[in-house]
Amino acid sequence: LSLQTNQTLLQGLLTQTGSSSQTNQKTIQYIKEKISENQSTEKSINLFHCLNELNDCSLVEEIKQPLSSGSLSTESLSPAQWSALVFILLSSDQDLDVFDLKKYSNSEEAFLKLLPVVKASNKAILSGCNLAEKSCEALSLGLGSQFCNLTELDLSNNDFGDSGVKLLCLGLNDGLKNAHCELETLRLSGCQITDEGCGFLVLALDENLTRLKKLDLSYNHLGEGRRASLTSRLDSPNWSLETLEVEPAGQRWLTPGLRKYSHQLTINADTVSRQLKLSHNNQMVTHGEELQTYPDHPDRFDVKPQLLCNAGLTGRCYWEVEWKGRVDVSVSYGGVNRKRESLGCMFGENDQSWSLSCSDSSYSVWHNNKKKPIISSVSHRVAVYVDCPAGILSFYKVSSDSLIHLHTFNTTFTETLYPGFMLKPVSSVCLH
């Protein structure tokens, strides 16, 4: 009714209480106040459509510009800005095709704010986002909704355990009974699930004719009997399951967080640049003033102050390092250039390596000579997580023993990866 075209048609029926522009501005202000009242983001969506009709995009533009430039930080968003972010993502076909929560935050708070986007997505990647029982309960309600579009759901590396799976299965029960449910892939790898939690899942799937084709329960503590029971269901006429992953399994995978994948780094002394000095039983590297007298070796970095570690990475690996000065924390293929000065001989400047550049003022990530600044405060302890088969490389800062996500590369690794480091003058790295 506030649109001028409609008011013209309704002349004589509506009482004029002021100019149309004044009325619109009052309406816009009132709608913005309602959006800022910290109500659920789902309730705010229609209000953004109202603002669109009134040609006011100011709230959306506050988020759209930093979002498109990659400089958006969700650490201090207001309720209205969270709602604007949800509205933008729901309007984007690209974001709804594959939604990765870590692009915005790896927190339960962010998940609950962005839940409408998760439900509207075709594929939701929620791995390693610190989701607990509260998230499972909210997601359970979403899975049971006829408006849920999910075909693939990745909840790997969240420590909600058996109690979270039980809540999740309530939604699966409702969702799988729904003819509109399209869920085909469910990943619960590394979620601290035991036989008890697996029992809830099997019961939910047994009771419903399901379209689920792929189930990943690897890196959990499932006993041999439960694994055999699951495997036998691959031949069940009531299951559409085509792929089941239950290995590796065991007690060690009940360790919380990514540290269950801890990988002990050892420096390959034959690769260390002469500009770098090893100490503390080769667990510390320093870029000093004097050149070291290392022997010639075909694997040594002769030009840049770099090094690689010994063992190639397989499966899932995690490590932490402390740093000072200006340091690149990297992973690289073994064939990276070591001998000649040229563009692309530093980690991150080529298509064979990926780097997190650390300085006292900022972080940035590099790959194939493309730089992306990371908006974050700085910690002098960082962590790296690699899932080689899945093509996932994530960098974190470690603050008060908590992991805060900085960036994730999603790619396909075609060769064996090795951890590596580059150190500027008066810099150091200590392995943990």
Protein backbone atom coordinates (compact mmCIF):
# COMPACT_ATOMS: atom_id res chain seq x y z
CA LEU A 1 0.00 0.00 0.00
CA SER A 2 2.98 2.32 0.44
CA LEU A 3 3.92 2.14 -3.25
CA GLN A 4 2.99 5.27 -5.18
CA THR A 5 1.49 3.25 -8.06
CA ASN A 6 -0.91 1.51 -5.68
CA GLN A 7 -1.79 4.71 -3.83
CA THR A 8 -2.79 6.29 -7.14
CA LEU A 9 -5.16 3.39 -7.83
CA LEU A 10 -6.62 3.65 -4.34
CA GLN A 11 -7.17 7.43 -4.35
CA GLY A 12 -10.25 8.30 -2.37
CA LEU A 13 -10.09 5.15 -0.28
CA LEU A 14 -6.93 6.02 1.65
CA THR A 15 -6.66 8.99 3.99
CA GLN A 16 -3.59 11.09 3.17
CA THR A 17 -1.60 11.58 6.39
CA GLY A 18 1.47 13.21 4.88
CA SER A 19 3.68 13.13 1.83
CA SER A 20 4.41 9.72 0.37
CA SER A 21 8.17 10.13 0.84
CA GLN A 22 7.75 11.07 4.52
CA THR A 23 5.48 8.09 5.10
CA ASN A 24 7.96 5.77 3.38
CA GLN A 25 10.85 7.03 5.49
CA LYS A 26 8.88 6.42 8.68
CA THR A 27 8.00 2.93 7.46
CA ILE A 28 11.63 2.19 6.57
CA GLN A 29 12.81 3.35 9.99
CA TYR A 30 10.17 1.24 11.74
CA ILE A 31 11.11 -1.88 9.74
CA LYS A 32 14.81 -1.39 10.56
CA GLU A 33 13.95 -1.11 14.25
CA LYS A 34 12.05 -4.39 14.08
CA ILE A 35 14.99 -6.10 12.33
CA SER A 36 17.39 -4.87 15.03
CA GLU A 37 15.31 -6.35 17.87
CA ASN A 38 17.40 -9.56 17.81
CA GLN A 39 14.52 -11.73 16.68
CA SER A 40 15.36 -14.86 14.72
CA THR A 41 16.96 -14.31 11.34
CA GLU A 42 14.16 -16.33 9.70
CA LYS A 43 11.57 -13.86 10.99
CA SER A 44 13.57 -10.97 9.51
CA ILE A 45 13.63 -12.24 5.91
CA ASN A 46 10.20 -10.87 4.96
CA LEU A 47 11.14 -7.51 6.47
CA PHE A 48 14.08 -7.28 4.06
CA HIS A 49 11.67 -7.93 1.19
CA CYS A 50 9.61 -5.01 2.51
CA LEU A 51 12.70 -2.77 2.49
CA ASN A 52 13.35 -3.84 -1.10
CA GLU A 53 9.83 -2.75 -2.07
CA LEU A 54 10.57 0.62 -0.47
CA ASN A 55 13.84 0.85 -2.45
CA ASP A 56 15.99 0.87 0.68
CA CYS A 57 19.04 -1.40 0.44
CA SER A 58 21.22 0.33 3.05
CA LEU A 59 21.37 -2.61 5.49
CA VAL A 60 22.13 -5.07 2.71
CA GLU A 61 24.86 -2.83 1.27
CA GLU A 62 26.56 -2.67 4.70
CA ILE A 63 27.23 -6.40 4.34
CA LYS A 64 27.36 -6.89 0.57
CA GLN A 65 30.43 -4.72 -0.03
CA PRO A 66 32.76 -6.34 2.55
CA LEU A 67 31.33 -9.76 1.63
CA SER A 68 32.19 -9.35 -2.05
CA SER A 69 35.68 -8.04 -1.25
CA GLY A 70 36.43 -10.87 1.17
CA SER A 71 36.89 -8.49 4.10
CA LEU A 72 33.76 -9.38 6.06
CA SER A 73 34.37 -10.26 9.71
CA THR A 74 31.48 -11.85 11.58
CA GLU A 75 33.05 -11.33 15.02
CA SER A 76 31.08 -8.13 15.76
CA LEU A 77 28.00 -8.21 13.51
CA SER A 78 24.82 -6.69 14.92
CA PRO A 79 21.55 -8.68 14.80
CA ALA A 80 20.43 -6.56 11.82
CA GLN A 81 23.70 -7.27 9.98
CA TRP A 82 23.37 -11.02 10.62
CA SER A 83 19.87 -10.88 9.15
CA ALA A 84 21.19 -8.94 6.15
CA LEU A 85 23.86 -11.61 5.59
CA VAL A 86 21.21 -14.35 5.66
CA PHE A 87 19.07 -12.40 3.19
CA ILE A 88 22.01 -11.95 0.80
CA LEU A 89 23.01 -15.62 0.94
CA LEU A 90 19.43 -16.81 0.43
CA SER A 91 19.29 -14.63 -2.69
CA SER A 92 22.45 -16.21 -4.15
CA ASP A 93 22.20 -19.38 -6.23
CA GLN A 94 25.95 -19.90 -5.97
CA ASP A 95 26.03 -19.80 -2.16
CA LEU A 96 23.02 -22.11 -1.95
CA ASP A 97 24.63 -24.72 -4.19
CA VAL A 98 27.45 -25.30 -1.70
CA PHE A 99 27.37 -23.53 1.66
CA ASP A 100 30.56 -23.71 3.76
CA LEU A 101 30.03 -22.29 7.24
CA LYS A 102 33.79 -21.83 7.85
CA LYS A 103 33.83 -19.06 5.22
CA TYR A 104 32.00 -16.95 7.81
CA SER A 105 32.85 -18.46 11.20
CA ASN A 106 33.56 -21.84 12.78
CA SER A 107 31.23 -21.23 15.73
CA GLU A 108 27.92 -22.58 16.96
CA GLU A 109 26.59 -19.01 17.24
CA ALA A 110 27.20 -18.43 13.53
CA PHE A 111 25.57 -21.75 12.66
CA LEU A 112 22.39 -20.87 14.55
CA LYS A 113 22.27 -17.44 12.86
CA LEU A 114 22.80 -18.94 9.40
CA LEU A 115 20.54 -21.98 9.84
CA PRO A 116 18.02 -20.72 7.22
CA VAL A 117 20.84 -20.76 4.65
CA VAL A 118 21.88 -24.29 5.70
CA LYS A 119 18.34 -25.61 5.17
CA ALA A 120 18.02 -23.90 1.79
CA SER A 121 21.38 -25.21 0.52
CA ASN A 122 21.93 -28.26 -1.65
CA LYS A 123 25.20 -29.10 0.12
CA ALA A 124 26.12 -27.85 3.59
CA ILE A 125 29.71 -28.14 4.85
CA LEU A 126 29.62 -27.72 8.63
CA SER A 127 32.78 -29.69 9.42
CA GLY A 128 35.02 -28.47 12.23
CA CYS A 129 32.64 -25.72 13.37
CA ASN A 130 32.41 -26.52 17.11
CA LEU A 131 28.80 -27.67 16.84
CA ALA A 132 27.34 -29.21 20.00
CA GLU A 133 23.98 -30.58 21.14
CA LYS A 134 22.21 -27.23 20.68
CA SER A 135 23.18 -27.24 17.01
CA CYS A 136 22.06 -30.86 16.57
CA GLU A 137 18.67 -30.01 18.05
CA ALA A 138 18.24 -27.02 15.73
CA LEU A 139 19.43 -29.02 12.73
CA SER A 140 17.08 -31.85 13.67
CA LEU A 141 14.10 -29.50 13.34
CA GLY A 142 15.45 -28.35 9.98
CA LEU A 143 15.87 -31.88 8.62
CA GLY A 144 12.26 -32.63 9.50
CA SER A 145 11.01 -29.61 7.55
CA GLN A 146 9.46 -29.93 4.09
CA PHE A 147 11.44 -26.82 3.14
CA CYS A 148 14.83 -28.50 3.67
CA ASN A 149 16.70 -28.81 0.34
CA LEU A 150 19.80 -30.63 1.58
CA THR A 151 21.17 -33.47 -0.52
CA GLU A 152 24.57 -33.56 1.23
CA LEU A 153 25.34 -32.75 4.87
CA ASP A 154 28.89 -32.76 6.24
CA LEU A 155 29.10 -32.62 10.05
CA SER A 156 32.59 -34.12 10.34
CA ASN A 157 34.96 -33.12 13.15
CA ASN A 158 32.31 -31.78 15.52
CA ASP A 159 32.41 -33.22 19.04
CA PHE A 160 28.69 -33.64 19.70
CA GLY A 161 29.11 -37.39 20.30
CA ASP A 162 26.33 -39.91 20.92
CA SER A 163 23.97 -37.40 22.55
CA GLY A 164 24.18 -35.14 19.50
CA VAL A 165 23.55 -38.05 17.14
CA LYS A 166 20.47 -39.00 19.16
CA LEU A 167 19.03 -35.49 18.69
CA LEU A 168 19.98 -35.51 15.03
CA CYS A 169 18.18 -38.79 14.49
CA LEU A 170 14.90 -37.27 15.66
CA GLY A 171 15.08 -34.98 12.65
CA LEU A 172 16.21 -37.81 10.40
CA ASN A 173 13.17 -39.82 11.45
CA ASP A 174 10.84 -37.01 10.41
CA GLY A 175 12.86 -35.98 7.38
CA LEU A 176 13.30 -39.42 5.86
CA LYS A 177 9.57 -40.08 6.15
CA ASN A 178 8.99 -36.90 4.15
CA ALA A 179 8.62 -37.50 0.41
CA HIS A 180 10.41 -34.18 -0.18
CA CYS A 181 13.57 -35.30 1.66
CA GLU A 182 16.49 -35.47 -0.80
CA LEU A 183 19.34 -36.23 1.64
CA GLU A 184 21.75 -38.63 -0.08
CA THR A 185 25.08 -38.07 1.70
CA LEU A 186 25.66 -37.80 5.45
CA ARG A 187 29.17 -37.34 6.86
CA LEU A 188 29.68 -37.88 10.60
CA SER A 189 33.40 -38.59 10.49
CA GLY A 190 35.41 -37.76 13.62
CA CYS A 191 32.37 -36.84 15.77
CA GLN A 192 33.24 -38.97 18.86
CA ILE A 193 30.50 -41.50 18.07
CA THR A 194 30.48 -44.91 19.78
CA ASP A 195 28.30 -47.99 19.34
CA GLU A 196 25.51 -46.28 21.29
CA GLY A 197 25.27 -43.32 18.90
CA CYS A 198 25.57 -45.58 15.89
CA GLY A 199 22.62 -47.56 17.23
CA PHE A 200 20.41 -44.44 17.17
CA LEU A 201 21.45 -43.82 13.58
CA VAL A 202 20.81 -47.38 12.41
CA LEU A 203 17.39 -47.37 14.06
CA ALA A 204 16.43 -44.14 12.31
CA LEU A 205 17.52 -45.51 8.95
CA ASP A 206 15.96 -48.95 9.48
CA GLU A 207 12.57 -47.44 10.25
CA ASN A 208 12.44 -45.38 7.07
CA LEU A 209 12.78 -46.20 3.41
CA THR A 210 15.71 -43.88 2.83
CA ARG A 211 17.41 -42.38 -0.19
CA LEU A 212 20.67 -42.12 1.71
CA LYS A 213 23.43 -43.36 -0.60
CA LYS A 214 26.60 -42.43 1.29
CA LEU A 215 27.28 -42.62 5.03
CA ASP A 216 30.67 -41.70 6.51
CA LEU A 217 31.32 -42.82 10.11
CA SER A 218 35.12 -43.06 9.87
CA TYR A 219 37.41 -41.82 12.67
CA ASN A 220 34.90 -42.83 15.37
CA HIS A 221 34.95 -45.57 18.04
CA LEU A 222 32.68 -48.24 16.56
CA GLY A 223 33.16 -51.84 17.69
CA GLU A 224 33.64 -54.69 15.24
CA GLY A 225 30.09 -55.94 15.78
CA ARG A 226 28.53 -52.58 14.98
CA ARG A 227 30.73 -52.15 11.91
CA ALA A 228 29.76 -55.62 10.67
CA SER A 229 26.08 -54.87 11.29
CA LEU A 230 26.33 -51.68 9.25
CA THR A 231 28.21 -53.39 6.43
CA SER A 232 25.55 -56.10 6.18
CA ARG A 233 22.94 -53.43 5.49
CA LEU A 234 24.63 -52.57 2.20
CA ASP A 235 22.68 -55.54 0.79
CA SER A 236 19.39 -54.61 2.46
CA PRO A 237 16.53 -53.95 0.00
CA ASN A 238 15.26 -51.22 2.35
CA TRP A 239 18.52 -49.29 2.15
CA SER A 240 19.74 -47.38 -0.89
CA LEU A 241 23.20 -47.19 0.67
CA GLU A 242 25.99 -47.52 -1.89
CA THR A 243 29.02 -46.30 0.08
CA LEU A 244 29.75 -46.88 3.77
CA GLU A 245 32.93 -45.68 5.49
CA VAL A 246 33.68 -46.97 9.00
CA GLU A 247 37.50 -47.13 8.97
CA PRO A 248 39.67 -46.10 10.68
CA ALA A 249 38.00 -46.79 14.01
CA GLY A 250 39.18 -47.04 17.61
CA GLN A 251 39.51 -45.49 21.05
CA ARG A 252 42.09 -42.90 19.95
CA TRP A 253 39.53 -41.10 17.79
CA LEU A 254 37.54 -40.08 20.88
CA THR A 255 40.13 -37.34 21.54
CA PRO A 256 38.31 -33.98 21.27
CA GLY A 257 38.94 -31.59 18.39
CA LEU A 258 41.43 -31.74 15.56
CA ARG A 259 44.27 -32.70 17.89
CA LYS A 260 43.21 -36.32 17.47
CA TYR A 261 45.00 -36.08 14.09
CA SER A 262 48.26 -34.71 15.61
CA HIS A 263 51.30 -35.29 13.40
CA GLN A 264 54.83 -34.99 14.78
CA LEU A 265 56.91 -32.85 12.42
CA THR A 266 60.61 -33.54 11.87
CA ILE A 267 62.69 -31.16 9.79
CA ASN A 268 64.52 -32.56 6.76
CA ALA A 269 68.00 -31.16 7.43
CA ASP A 270 68.99 -31.74 3.78
CA THR A 271 66.44 -29.12 2.65
CA VAL A 272 67.31 -26.32 5.13
CA SER A 273 68.59 -23.09 3.57
CA ARG A 274 72.01 -21.92 4.78
CA GLN A 275 70.30 -18.71 5.93
CA LEU A 276 68.47 -20.74 8.58
CA LYS A 277 69.87 -22.17 11.82
CA LEU A 278 68.55 -25.31 13.52
CA SER A 279 68.54 -25.67 17.32
CA HIS A 280 66.73 -27.38 20.23
CA ASN A 281 67.19 -30.85 18.73
CA ASN A 282 66.06 -29.55 15.33
CA GLN A 283 62.71 -28.39 16.75
CA MET A 284 63.49 -24.68 16.36
CA VAL A 285 64.50 -22.73 13.25
CA THR A 286 65.92 -19.18 13.26
CA HIS A 287 66.83 -16.81 10.44
CA GLY A 288 70.15 -15.46 11.73
CA GLU A 289 72.80 -13.05 10.47
CA GLU A 290 75.43 -15.68 9.66
CA LEU A 291 75.25 -18.29 6.91
CA GLN A 292 75.42 -21.88 8.11
CA THR A 293 77.97 -24.37 6.75
CA TYR A 294 75.56 -27.06 5.61
CA PRO A 295 76.95 -29.43 2.93
CA ASP A 296 75.73 -29.21 -0.64
CA HIS A 297 72.66 -31.31 -1.33
CA PRO A 298 70.29 -31.50 -4.32
CA ASP A 299 67.29 -31.02 -1.99
CA ARG A 300 68.63 -27.87 -0.27
CA PHE A 301 66.93 -24.50 -0.79
CA ASP A 302 69.85 -22.42 -2.10
CA VAL A 303 68.04 -19.15 -2.85
CA LYS A 304 65.16 -18.61 -0.45
CA PRO A 305 65.22 -19.06 3.37
CA GLN A 306 62.96 -22.11 3.28
CA LEU A 307 62.84 -25.73 4.42
CA LEU A 308 60.64 -28.81 4.21
CA CYS A 309 59.85 -31.49 6.77
CA ASN A 310 60.63 -35.17 6.39
CA ALA A 311 57.65 -37.46 6.11
CA GLY A 312 55.02 -36.90 3.44
CA LEU A 313 51.49 -36.39 4.70
CA THR A 314 48.82 -39.08 4.41
CA GLY A 315 45.22 -39.21 5.59
CA ARG A 316 44.37 -36.50 8.11
CA CYS A 317 47.17 -34.56 9.81
CA TYR A 318 47.31 -31.69 12.30
CA TRP A 319 50.19 -29.70 13.77
CA GLU A 320 50.88 -26.48 15.66
CA VAL A 321 53.84 -24.09 15.58
CA GLU A 322 54.91 -20.97 17.43
CA TRP A 323 56.45 -18.18 15.39
CA LYS A 324 58.14 -14.79 15.77
CA GLY A 325 58.89 -12.10 13.20
CA ARG A 326 57.65 -12.77 9.66
CA VAL A 327 57.04 -16.40 8.79
CA ASP A 328 55.22 -18.43 6.14
CA VAL A 329 53.65 -21.67 7.41
CA SER A 330 53.21 -23.83 4.32
CA VAL A 331 52.50 -27.17 2.72
CA SER A 332 54.13 -28.02 -0.58
CA TYR A 333 54.71 -30.74 -3.13
CA GLY A 334 58.22 -32.15 -2.98
CA GLY A 335 59.14 -30.93 -6.46
CA VAL A 336 58.91 -27.22 -5.65
CA ASN A 337 61.76 -25.07 -7.08
CA ARG A 338 64.79 -24.94 -4.75
CA LYS A 339 67.78 -23.89 -6.83
CA ARG A 340 67.10 -20.92 -9.06
CA GLU A 341 66.00 -17.34 -8.41
CA SER A 342 62.74 -16.76 -10.23
CA LEU A 343 59.18 -15.63 -9.70
CA GLY A 344 57.39 -18.49 -8.04
CA CYS A 345 60.26 -20.00 -6.06
CA MET A 346 58.78 -18.99 -2.70
CA PHE A 347 56.04 -21.00 -1.00
CA GLY A 348 52.63 -19.73 -2.10
CA GLU A 349 53.94 -18.10 -5.28
CA ASN A 350 53.35 -21.23 -7.37
CA ASP A 351 50.70 -23.88 -7.97
CA GLN A 352 52.67 -26.45 -5.95
CA SER A 353 52.39 -24.84 -2.51
CA TRP A 354 49.96 -23.13 -0.13
CA SER A 355 51.00 -20.69 2.62
CA LEU A 356 49.79 -18.76 5.62
CA SER A 357 51.93 -15.61 5.91
CA CYS A 358 52.23 -14.40 9.50
CA SER A 359 53.42 -11.02 10.75
CA ASP A 360 52.93 -9.05 13.97
CA SER A 361 50.16 -7.01 12.32
CA SER A 362 48.28 -9.42 10.04
CA TYR A 363 47.78 -12.76 8.31
CA SER A 364 47.33 -13.54 4.63
CA VAL A 365 47.09 -16.74 2.60
CA TRP A 366 48.89 -17.40 -0.68
CA HIS A 367 48.53 -19.92 -3.49
CA ASN A 368 49.67 -19.67 -7.13
CA ASN A 369 50.92 -16.11 -6.44
CA LYS A 370 47.46 -14.95 -5.37
CA LYS A 371 47.18 -13.26 -2.00
CA LYS A 372 44.12 -13.03 0.23
CA PRO A 373 44.31 -10.88 3.39
CA ILE A 374 42.75 -12.41 6.51
CA ILE A 375 40.78 -10.08 8.78
CA SER A 376 41.75 -11.25 12.27
CA SER A 377 43.73 -10.32 15.34
CA VAL A 378 47.12 -12.04 15.50
CA SER A 379 48.25 -14.95 17.65
CA HIS A 380 51.86 -16.18 17.58
CA ARG A 381 50.70 -19.79 17.65
CA VAL A 382 49.02 -21.22 14.56
CA ALA A 383 47.73 -24.64 13.53
CA VAL A 384 47.38 -26.52 10.26
CA TYR A 385 44.89 -29.28 9.41
CA VAL A 386 45.14 -31.32 6.22
CA ASP A 387 42.77 -33.96 4.93
CA CYS A 388 44.75 -35.26 1.96
CA PRO A 389 42.10 -37.52 0.34
CA ALA A 390 39.39 -34.86 0.70
CA GLY A 391 41.62 -32.04 -0.59
CA ILE A 392 41.12 -29.87 2.50
CA LEU A 393 43.80 -27.56 3.94
CA SER A 394 42.80 -25.35 6.88
CA PHE A 395 44.79 -22.75 8.81
CA TYR A 396 43.88 -21.69 12.36
CA LYS A 397 45.21 -19.37 15.00
CA VAL A 398 45.45 -20.83 18.50
CA SER A 399 44.11 -18.54 21.23
CA SER A 400 43.75 -19.73 24.84
CA ASP A 401 43.99 -23.29 23.52
CA SER A 402 41.00 -22.72 21.21
CA LEU A 403 41.20 -22.93 17.42
CA ILE A 404 39.94 -19.90 15.49
CA HIS A 405 39.54 -20.57 11.78
CA LEU A 406 41.50 -18.32 9.40
CA HIS A 407 41.11 -19.90 5.96
CA THR A 408 40.41 -23.19 4.19
CA PHE A 409 41.63 -24.22 0.74
CA ASN A 410 39.46 -26.81 -1.01
CA THR A 411 41.33 -28.45 -3.86
CA THR A 412 42.55 -31.80 -5.21
CA PHE A 413 46.03 -32.81 -4.10
CA THR A 414 47.77 -34.63 -6.94
CA GLU A 415 51.11 -35.31 -5.20
CA THR A 416 52.41 -36.04 -1.70
CA LEU A 417 52.39 -32.98 0.56
CA TYR A 418 55.19 -31.87 2.91
CA PRO A 419 55.00 -29.23 5.66
CA GLY A 420 57.38 -26.33 5.08
CA PHE A 421 58.42 -22.91 6.38
CA MET A 422 59.86 -19.66 5.08
CA LEU A 423 61.48 -17.25 7.54
CA LYS A 424 62.35 -13.59 7.02
CA PRO A 425 65.38 -12.10 8.88
CA VAL A 426 65.15 -12.06 12.70
CA SER A 427 62.34 -14.62 12.65
CA SER A 428 61.90 -18.04 14.23
CA VAL A 429 59.64 -21.09 14.22
CA CYS A 430 59.26 -23.64 17.01
CA LEU A 431 57.62 -27.00 16.27
CA HIS A 432 55.13 -28.62 18.66
